[in-house]
Amino acid sequence: MRKAKRRRGKLQISGMLQRKGNPQGGSHGACWSDSDGPQSKFIKYDAESVEDFIKDGLQFFESVFRVRRSVVSLACTADGMHMVCSGTVVDHVDEKTWILTSASLVRKPDTLFEAYEPCDVKIQVALHNKQIVEGSLEMCNLHYNIAIVTIESPGSRINLPTVELSDLPECYSLQPRPVVALGRDMYSKGFQMRCGELVRRNSELDCTELLTCTCDVSGNFIGGPVMDSERRFLGITFRYEETTPFLPVEIAARCLKYYKKSKTLPRVRIRGQALHMLSMNSLEHLCCKYAKPPHGILVQEICEISAEKCGGVVVGDIISELDGITLYSAAQFTAMLLDKMEVASNPQNTLTLQAVVRRPTDQTIFVAKLNVQDIASDECEGSFQNKWIWWKELWFP
């Protein structure tokens, strides 16, 4: 993970890579950092401590322990580097068990856009019974920051139940609610839990779809599940700092479905943000143009190679409905586009979405046709880059 800074008009990559660990000699799992700050700033969880259900955790008892066998720890070794993440068993395909985790597990520490090849990494997976098995990298995608690790085990279907990746209820993310982040420590093999709340807060990362919670986690938790007290799988931990952003389940589920069919993942080439997540100043500016506050997704960027397929939609427009469905979040918007992309994965297929669009500049409302079509992989390079960039710092001095 590398943070980009702008100094004297030039883009610079700051710091030397360091391994976060226990200053007393114990390990918390390797999570590479480019900061020169003190270790105590980053270490938020002691793998040797015991998390119990005496207070905040009681409401999560059923949610947590029904999935504990599905939560594993993964350790990747490559070029002398050592990375540790958590992961979740999500499927059994043929004789292999699929584990969903973060692409951080295999991201090269000295680059923003490169990951190790499957043949260059050695992956070990620690299971709930403290058994360690060999894993293989099935898929890594830096754009969505997800990876799939597979293990071969004749008894895995029984011993490693899958976690269902189901869409969240409409407007789920609009209200704060208690959540819990789960992980497993590679060294102690212990099951880990941290309580917090789902909060309406933007991430600084280049990914408007991310949700945010206040779970106080460490690097061991990255790639692990976030759940609520009603046994819902909400997503996978993206990274950690003062708050913990996580990739919503809707996006992760569609990436897995698309990959099974095409062995690739598409990129959504229109970027927007839910109106309720905008700053107060931006909201006031928009609301002054309407008698009633609007709802939907504010279009922030359209990839150049896809502008002609957006039916006249331009940056600054508000997409309030898509195929008759009211839009509330960027994750919902992206999920709907990914659904269409999965159907249109055949280059011969072109699907059209009907979008109700509001244009604040002249207060007009019109219907646009968004064309969804698969494009050549080389054209994708002109699309948005990987979502680990701190885009606000890159774009704005």
Protein backbone atom coordinates (compact mmCIF):
# COMPACT_ATOMS: atom_id res chain seq x y z
CA MET A 1 0.00 0.00 0.00
CA ARG A 2 1.60 3.21 -1.07
CA LYS A 3 0.34 6.69 -0.54
CA ALA A 4 0.73 9.27 -3.27
CA LYS A 5 1.67 12.85 -2.39
CA ARG A 6 1.96 15.95 -4.51
CA ARG A 7 5.02 18.09 -3.80
CA ARG A 8 6.26 21.05 -5.85
CA GLY A 9 3.86 20.08 -8.64
CA LYS A 10 5.28 16.58 -9.00
CA LEU A 11 3.75 13.28 -8.04
CA GLN A 12 5.93 11.46 -5.56
CA ILE A 13 5.72 8.10 -3.82
CA SER A 14 6.55 8.60 -0.19
CA GLY A 15 8.58 6.59 2.23
CA MET A 16 10.30 3.23 2.37
CA LEU A 17 8.37 0.05 2.87
CA GLN A 18 8.25 -1.21 6.42
CA ARG A 19 6.78 -4.29 7.98
CA LYS A 20 4.33 -3.69 10.76
CA GLY A 21 4.96 -5.95 13.68
CA ASN A 22 4.92 -6.18 17.43
CA PRO A 23 7.71 -4.05 18.88
CA GLN A 24 8.12 -6.68 21.59
CA GLY A 25 8.92 -9.34 19.02
CA GLY A 26 5.50 -10.94 18.42
CA SER A 27 3.90 -10.67 15.01
CA HIS A 28 0.59 -9.20 13.98
CA GLY A 29 0.80 -10.26 10.36
CA ALA A 30 2.69 -8.44 7.66
CA CYS A 31 1.02 -5.39 6.23
CA TRP A 32 3.40 -3.23 4.25
CA SER A 33 3.42 0.48 4.98
CA ASP A 34 5.23 3.43 3.46
CA SER A 35 5.05 5.51 6.63
CA ASP A 36 7.92 6.42 8.89
CA GLY A 37 5.56 6.94 11.82
CA PRO A 38 5.85 5.04 15.07
CA GLN A 39 4.65 1.44 15.10
CA SER A 40 2.07 2.17 17.79
CA LYS A 41 0.22 4.36 15.30
CA PHE A 42 -0.62 1.34 13.19
CA ILE A 43 -0.85 -1.61 15.53
CA LYS A 44 -4.42 -1.60 16.74
CA TYR A 45 -4.86 -5.23 17.63
CA ASP A 46 -2.81 -7.57 19.74
CA ALA A 47 -3.07 -11.10 18.35
CA GLU A 48 -2.47 -12.48 21.83
CA SER A 49 -5.41 -10.70 23.44
CA VAL A 50 -8.78 -12.38 23.91
CA GLU A 51 -11.97 -10.89 22.47
CA ASP A 52 -15.10 -11.90 24.38
CA PHE A 53 -18.82 -11.25 24.24
CA ILE A 54 -19.27 -9.65 27.65
CA LYS A 55 -20.31 -6.27 26.27
CA ASP A 56 -20.63 -5.10 22.66
CA GLY A 57 -19.99 -8.51 21.12
CA LEU A 58 -22.99 -10.28 22.62
CA GLN A 59 -25.38 -9.24 19.86
CA PHE A 60 -23.01 -10.77 17.29
CA PHE A 61 -22.68 -14.15 18.96
CA GLU A 62 -24.81 -16.05 16.42
CA SER A 63 -23.54 -14.10 13.40
CA VAL A 64 -19.92 -14.64 14.33
CA PHE A 65 -19.88 -18.27 15.32
CA ARG A 66 -22.00 -19.49 12.46
CA VAL A 67 -19.25 -18.38 10.03
CA ARG A 68 -16.10 -18.98 12.08
CA ARG A 69 -15.17 -22.14 10.13
CA SER A 70 -15.40 -20.13 6.92
CA VAL A 71 -12.88 -17.50 8.07
CA VAL A 72 -9.26 -18.38 7.32
CA SER A 73 -5.86 -16.72 7.41
CA LEU A 74 -3.66 -16.51 4.33
CA ALA A 75 0.09 -15.93 4.18
CA CYS A 76 1.84 -15.15 0.91
CA THR A 77 5.60 -15.32 0.40
CA ALA A 78 7.25 -13.82 -2.69
CA ASP A 79 10.69 -12.30 -3.35
CA GLY A 80 11.49 -12.49 0.34
CA MET A 81 8.34 -10.53 1.19
CA HIS A 82 5.68 -11.86 3.55
CA MET A 83 2.07 -10.71 3.50
CA VAL A 84 -0.80 -11.87 5.71
CA CYS A 85 -4.54 -11.36 5.18
CA SER A 86 -7.79 -12.97 6.21
CA GLY A 87 -10.28 -14.53 3.83
CA THR A 88 -13.72 -16.10 3.58
CA VAL A 89 -14.76 -19.42 2.04
CA VAL A 90 -17.37 -18.49 -0.57
CA ASP A 91 -17.68 -21.48 -2.91
CA HIS A 92 -16.71 -25.04 -3.78
CA VAL A 93 -15.94 -25.45 -7.48
CA ASP A 94 -15.20 -28.98 -8.65
CA GLU A 95 -12.51 -30.25 -6.27
CA LYS A 96 -11.41 -26.81 -5.14
CA THR A 97 -12.55 -24.51 -2.36
CA TRP A 98 -12.66 -20.81 -3.23
CA ILE A 99 -11.53 -18.24 -0.67
CA LEU A 100 -12.34 -14.57 -1.22
CA THR A 101 -9.72 -12.14 0.06
CA SER A 102 -7.95 -8.86 -0.70
CA ALA A 103 -5.58 -8.33 -3.60
CA SER A 104 -3.22 -6.86 -0.99
CA LEU A 105 -2.15 -10.44 -0.35
CA VAL A 106 -0.26 -10.55 -3.67
CA ARG A 107 0.24 -6.88 -4.53
CA LYS A 108 3.86 -5.98 -5.18
CA PRO A 109 4.91 -3.61 -2.37
CA ASP A 110 6.94 -1.31 -4.62
CA THR A 111 4.24 -0.66 -7.26
CA LEU A 112 0.68 0.63 -7.47
CA PHE A 113 -0.53 -1.41 -10.43
CA GLU A 114 1.25 -4.76 -10.30
CA ALA A 115 0.61 -8.04 -8.54
CA TYR A 116 2.69 -11.18 -8.36
CA GLU A 117 1.95 -13.95 -10.84
CA PRO A 118 0.50 -17.19 -9.42
CA CYS A 119 3.71 -19.04 -10.20
CA ASP A 120 5.78 -16.52 -8.22
CA VAL A 121 4.00 -16.81 -4.88
CA LYS A 122 3.72 -19.40 -2.17
CA ILE A 123 0.45 -19.22 -0.25
CA GLN A 124 -0.38 -20.98 3.01
CA VAL A 125 -3.90 -21.10 4.42
CA ALA A 126 -4.59 -21.52 8.15
CA LEU A 127 -7.98 -23.15 8.82
CA HIS A 128 -10.21 -23.03 11.89
CA ASN A 129 -8.83 -26.35 13.15
CA LYS A 130 -5.29 -24.88 13.08
CA GLN A 131 -4.42 -26.99 10.05
CA ILE A 132 -2.24 -25.29 7.44
CA VAL A 133 -2.73 -26.20 3.78
CA GLU A 134 -1.19 -25.03 0.54
CA GLY A 135 -3.17 -22.53 -1.52
CA SER A 136 -3.05 -21.36 -5.13
CA LEU A 137 -3.81 -17.93 -6.56
CA GLU A 138 -6.81 -18.37 -8.84
CA MET A 139 -7.53 -14.70 -9.56
CA CYS A 140 -6.27 -11.25 -8.59
CA ASN A 141 -7.85 -7.97 -9.66
CA LEU A 142 -6.30 -4.70 -8.50
CA HIS A 143 -9.17 -2.59 -9.81
CA TYR A 144 -11.61 -4.09 -7.29
CA ASN A 145 -8.80 -5.08 -4.88
CA ILE A 146 -10.02 -8.66 -4.59
CA ALA A 147 -8.38 -12.03 -5.05
CA ILE A 148 -9.45 -15.67 -5.02
CA VAL A 149 -7.24 -18.31 -3.42
CA THR A 150 -8.11 -21.97 -3.91
CA ILE A 151 -7.26 -25.01 -1.83
CA GLU A 152 -7.73 -28.67 -2.63
CA SER A 153 -9.23 -30.77 0.13
CA PRO A 154 -11.56 -33.78 -0.24
CA GLY A 155 -13.33 -32.90 3.02
CA SER A 156 -13.47 -29.16 2.52
CA ARG A 157 -17.16 -29.12 1.56
CA ILE A 158 -18.04 -30.44 5.01
CA ASN A 159 -15.37 -28.80 7.14
CA LEU A 160 -15.39 -25.42 5.39
CA PRO A 161 -18.96 -24.22 4.86
CA THR A 162 -19.45 -21.35 2.43
CA VAL A 163 -20.72 -17.89 3.29
CA GLU A 164 -23.58 -16.71 1.10
CA LEU A 165 -23.00 -13.46 -0.77
CA SER A 166 -26.46 -11.87 -0.92
CA ASP A 167 -27.42 -8.29 -1.78
CA LEU A 168 -28.18 -5.97 1.10
CA PRO A 169 -31.70 -4.53 1.51
CA GLU A 170 -32.48 -1.30 -0.31
CA CYS A 171 -31.18 1.81 1.50
CA TYR A 172 -29.32 -0.46 3.95
CA SER A 173 -26.23 1.76 4.05
CA LEU A 174 -28.11 4.97 4.83
CA GLN A 175 -28.48 4.33 8.55
CA PRO A 176 -25.70 3.69 11.13
CA ARG A 177 -25.83 0.22 12.65
CA PRO A 178 -23.59 -2.11 14.69
CA VAL A 179 -21.22 -4.29 12.64
CA VAL A 180 -18.31 -6.59 13.33
CA ALA A 181 -15.07 -7.26 11.42
CA LEU A 182 -13.73 -10.82 11.51
CA GLY A 183 -10.33 -12.30 10.86
CA ARG A 184 -7.97 -15.11 11.75
CA ASP A 185 -4.39 -14.75 12.95
CA MET A 186 -1.85 -16.75 10.95
CA TYR A 187 0.48 -17.23 13.88
CA SER A 188 -1.84 -18.13 16.73
CA LYS A 189 -4.56 -19.46 14.31
CA GLY A 190 -6.96 -17.64 16.63
CA PHE A 191 -10.31 -16.29 15.51
CA GLN A 192 -10.47 -12.48 15.75
CA MET A 193 -13.33 -10.03 16.09
CA ARG A 194 -13.67 -6.28 16.36
CA CYS A 195 -16.95 -4.41 16.92
CA GLY A 196 -17.89 -1.06 15.43
CA GLU A 197 -20.59 0.78 13.51
CA LEU A 198 -21.46 1.25 9.88
CA VAL A 199 -21.09 4.97 9.23
CA ARG A 200 -21.89 7.27 6.34
CA ARG A 201 -18.42 8.47 5.52
CA ASN A 202 -16.47 8.70 2.28
CA SER A 203 -13.23 6.81 1.89
CA GLU A 204 -10.15 8.69 0.72
CA LEU A 205 -9.46 5.89 -1.73
CA ASP A 206 -10.35 5.97 -5.41
CA CYS A 207 -13.53 3.94 -4.94
CA THR A 208 -16.88 5.59 -4.26
CA GLU A 209 -18.55 2.20 -3.81
CA LEU A 210 -16.75 1.49 -0.54
CA LEU A 211 -18.70 1.44 2.71
CA THR A 212 -17.05 2.48 5.97
CA CYS A 213 -17.17 1.15 9.52
CA THR A 214 -15.44 2.07 12.77
CA CYS A 215 -14.11 -1.42 13.62
CA ASP A 216 -10.64 -0.97 15.12
CA VAL A 217 -8.72 -3.62 13.18
CA SER A 218 -5.16 -4.49 12.21
CA GLY A 219 -3.57 -5.71 8.99
CA ASN A 220 -4.56 -9.30 9.82
CA PHE A 221 -8.18 -8.41 9.16
CA ILE A 222 -7.66 -7.10 5.60
CA GLY A 223 -9.65 -9.29 3.20
CA GLY A 224 -11.78 -10.71 6.01
CA PRO A 225 -15.57 -10.38 6.32
CA VAL A 226 -17.63 -7.58 7.82
CA MET A 227 -21.01 -8.71 9.20
CA ASP A 228 -23.98 -7.31 11.09
CA SER A 229 -25.98 -8.65 14.03
CA GLU A 230 -28.61 -10.09 11.67
CA ARG A 231 -26.14 -12.55 10.15
CA ARG A 232 -25.66 -10.57 6.96
CA PHE A 233 -22.32 -10.68 5.16
CA LEU A 234 -21.70 -7.00 4.33
CA GLY A 235 -18.38 -7.12 2.48
CA ILE A 236 -14.62 -7.60 2.83
CA THR A 237 -12.22 -5.33 4.67
CA PHE A 238 -10.34 -3.12 2.23
CA ARG A 239 -7.70 -1.64 4.50
CA TYR A 240 -7.49 0.00 7.90
CA GLU A 241 -6.60 3.38 9.31
CA GLU A 242 -8.74 5.61 11.51
CA THR A 243 -11.81 3.95 9.98
CA THR A 244 -12.17 0.71 8.06
CA PRO A 245 -13.51 0.90 4.49
CA PHE A 246 -14.83 -2.31 3.01
CA LEU A 247 -15.95 -3.51 -0.41
CA PRO A 248 -19.74 -4.11 -0.39
CA VAL A 249 -21.01 -7.64 -0.87
CA GLU A 250 -22.93 -6.63 -4.02
CA ILE A 251 -19.68 -5.84 -5.82
CA ALA A 252 -17.77 -8.88 -4.55
CA ALA A 253 -20.59 -11.26 -5.46
CA ARG A 254 -20.84 -9.97 -9.01
CA CYS A 255 -17.10 -10.12 -9.51
CA LEU A 256 -17.13 -13.80 -8.55
CA LYS A 257 -20.09 -14.51 -10.82
CA TYR A 258 -18.52 -12.70 -13.76
CA TYR A 259 -15.16 -14.38 -13.24
CA LYS A 260 -16.71 -17.86 -13.23
CA LYS A 261 -18.23 -17.14 -16.61
CA SER A 262 -15.49 -15.18 -18.35
CA LYS A 263 -12.30 -15.67 -16.31
CA THR A 264 -11.92 -11.88 -16.41
CA LEU A 265 -13.48 -8.91 -14.65
CA PRO A 266 -15.01 -5.85 -16.33
CA ARG A 267 -14.54 -2.21 -15.43
CA VAL A 268 -17.39 0.22 -15.00
CA ARG A 269 -16.38 3.26 -17.01
CA ILE A 270 -18.70 5.81 -15.47
CA ARG A 271 -18.01 7.04 -11.94
CA GLY A 272 -20.45 8.69 -9.56
CA GLN A 273 -21.21 9.42 -5.93
CA ALA A 274 -24.49 9.18 -4.04
CA LEU A 275 -25.88 12.64 -3.31
CA HIS A 276 -26.19 11.96 0.41
CA MET A 277 -22.44 11.35 0.56
CA LEU A 278 -21.50 14.73 -0.91
CA SER A 279 -20.16 17.59 1.17
CA MET A 280 -22.62 20.05 2.70
CA ASN A 281 -21.50 22.80 0.34
CA SER A 282 -22.03 20.62 -2.73
CA LEU A 283 -25.44 19.51 -1.49
CA GLU A 284 -26.53 23.08 -0.81
CA HIS A 285 -25.44 24.13 -4.29
CA LEU A 286 -27.51 21.35 -5.87
CA CYS A 287 -30.57 21.78 -3.67
CA CYS A 288 -30.77 25.49 -4.50
CA LYS A 289 -31.67 24.46 -8.03
CA TYR A 290 -34.61 22.25 -7.04
CA ALA A 291 -37.80 22.84 -5.08
CA LYS A 292 -37.37 19.36 -3.57
CA PRO A 293 -33.95 17.85 -2.78
CA PRO A 294 -33.03 15.39 -5.56
CA HIS A 295 -31.79 11.84 -5.08
CA GLY A 296 -29.52 9.61 -7.11
CA ILE A 297 -25.91 9.46 -8.30
CA LEU A 298 -23.92 12.54 -9.24
CA VAL A 299 -21.78 11.72 -12.30
CA GLN A 300 -18.19 12.68 -11.49
CA GLU A 301 -16.27 11.18 -14.40
CA ILE A 302 -16.85 9.31 -17.65
CA CYS A 303 -14.03 7.42 -19.32
CA GLU A 304 -13.22 8.96 -22.71
CA ILE A 305 -13.58 5.71 -24.63
CA SER A 306 -17.12 5.24 -23.28
CA ALA A 307 -18.53 8.78 -23.48
CA GLU A 308 -20.42 8.09 -26.69
CA LYS A 309 -22.18 5.11 -25.08
CA CYS A 310 -23.71 7.16 -22.26
CA GLY A 311 -26.65 8.60 -24.18
CA GLY A 312 -25.72 12.23 -23.67
CA VAL A 313 -24.99 11.98 -19.95
CA VAL A 314 -22.18 14.34 -18.95
CA VAL A 315 -20.19 15.05 -15.80
CA GLY A 316 -22.37 16.96 -13.32
CA ASP A 317 -25.60 15.19 -14.27
CA ILE A 318 -27.62 13.29 -11.66
CA ILE A 319 -28.81 9.77 -12.53
CA SER A 320 -31.84 9.28 -10.31
CA GLU A 321 -33.21 6.02 -11.74
CA LEU A 322 -31.86 3.09 -13.70
CA ASP A 323 -34.39 0.83 -15.45
CA GLY A 324 -37.10 2.15 -13.13
CA ILE A 325 -35.11 1.51 -9.92
CA THR A 326 -34.37 4.47 -7.66
CA LEU A 327 -30.64 4.88 -7.01
CA TYR A 328 -29.37 5.40 -3.47
CA SER A 329 -25.70 4.38 -3.50
CA ALA A 330 -22.67 4.07 -5.76
CA ALA A 331 -22.45 0.36 -4.90
CA GLN A 332 -26.02 -0.18 -6.07
CA PHE A 333 -25.29 1.72 -9.31
CA THR A 334 -22.13 -0.30 -10.00
CA ALA A 335 -23.87 -3.58 -9.15
CA MET A 336 -26.63 -2.91 -11.68
CA LEU A 337 -24.07 -2.11 -14.38
CA LEU A 338 -22.09 -5.27 -13.55
CA ASP A 339 -25.28 -7.33 -13.88
CA LYS A 340 -25.72 -6.02 -17.40
CA MET A 341 -22.05 -6.50 -18.20
CA GLU A 342 -22.28 -10.13 -17.16
CA VAL A 343 -25.11 -10.65 -19.66
CA ALA A 344 -23.26 -8.67 -22.33
CA SER A 345 -19.94 -10.46 -21.82
CA ASN A 346 -20.32 -11.80 -25.35
CA PRO A 347 -18.87 -9.06 -27.62
CA GLN A 348 -21.82 -9.55 -29.98
CA ASN A 349 -24.32 -8.54 -27.29
CA THR A 350 -25.23 -4.95 -26.52
CA LEU A 351 -27.72 -4.14 -23.76
CA THR A 352 -29.35 -0.82 -23.03
CA LEU A 353 -30.25 0.70 -19.67
CA GLN A 354 -32.86 3.45 -19.36
CA ALA A 355 -31.55 6.19 -17.09
CA VAL A 356 -33.62 9.08 -15.74
CA VAL A 357 -31.24 12.03 -15.69
CA ARG A 358 -31.49 15.45 -14.02
CA ARG A 359 -29.23 18.22 -15.30
CA PRO A 360 -28.66 20.83 -12.58
CA THR A 361 -27.26 23.42 -15.01
CA ASP A 362 -30.66 23.98 -16.63
CA GLN A 363 -32.99 21.94 -14.35
CA THR A 364 -34.03 19.65 -17.21
CA ILE A 365 -35.02 15.99 -16.84
CA PHE A 366 -34.51 13.50 -19.67
CA VAL A 367 -34.16 9.78 -20.32
CA ALA A 368 -30.77 8.56 -21.52
CA LYS A 369 -29.88 5.18 -22.97
CA LEU A 370 -26.72 3.71 -21.51
CA ASN A 371 -25.23 1.09 -23.82
CA VAL A 372 -23.51 -1.79 -22.06
CA GLN A 373 -21.07 -3.75 -24.20
CA ASP A 374 -17.90 -5.74 -23.67
CA ILE A 375 -14.78 -4.09 -25.10
CA ALA A 376 -11.31 -5.29 -25.98
CA SER A 377 -8.90 -5.72 -23.10
CA ASP A 378 -6.43 -3.20 -24.52
CA GLU A 379 -9.14 -0.55 -24.52
CA CYS A 380 -9.69 -1.20 -20.82
CA GLU A 381 -6.27 0.31 -20.13
CA GLY A 382 -7.80 3.68 -20.89
CA SER A 383 -10.38 3.13 -18.18
CA PHE A 384 -10.13 4.11 -14.52
CA GLN A 385 -7.10 2.79 -12.74
CA ASN A 386 -6.80 0.73 -9.62
CA LYS A 387 -8.85 1.87 -6.67
CA TRP A 388 -6.03 2.07 -4.14
CA ILE A 389 -4.94 5.52 -5.30
CA TRP A 390 -5.69 8.42 -3.01
CA TRP A 391 -7.45 10.16 -5.90
CA LYS A 392 -8.28 13.42 -4.12
CA GLU A 393 -4.59 14.05 -3.56
CA LEU A 394 -3.72 13.11 -7.12
CA TRP A 395 -6.32 15.29 -8.78
CA PHE A 396 -6.42 18.29 -6.49
CA PRO A 397 -3.29 20.13 -5.30
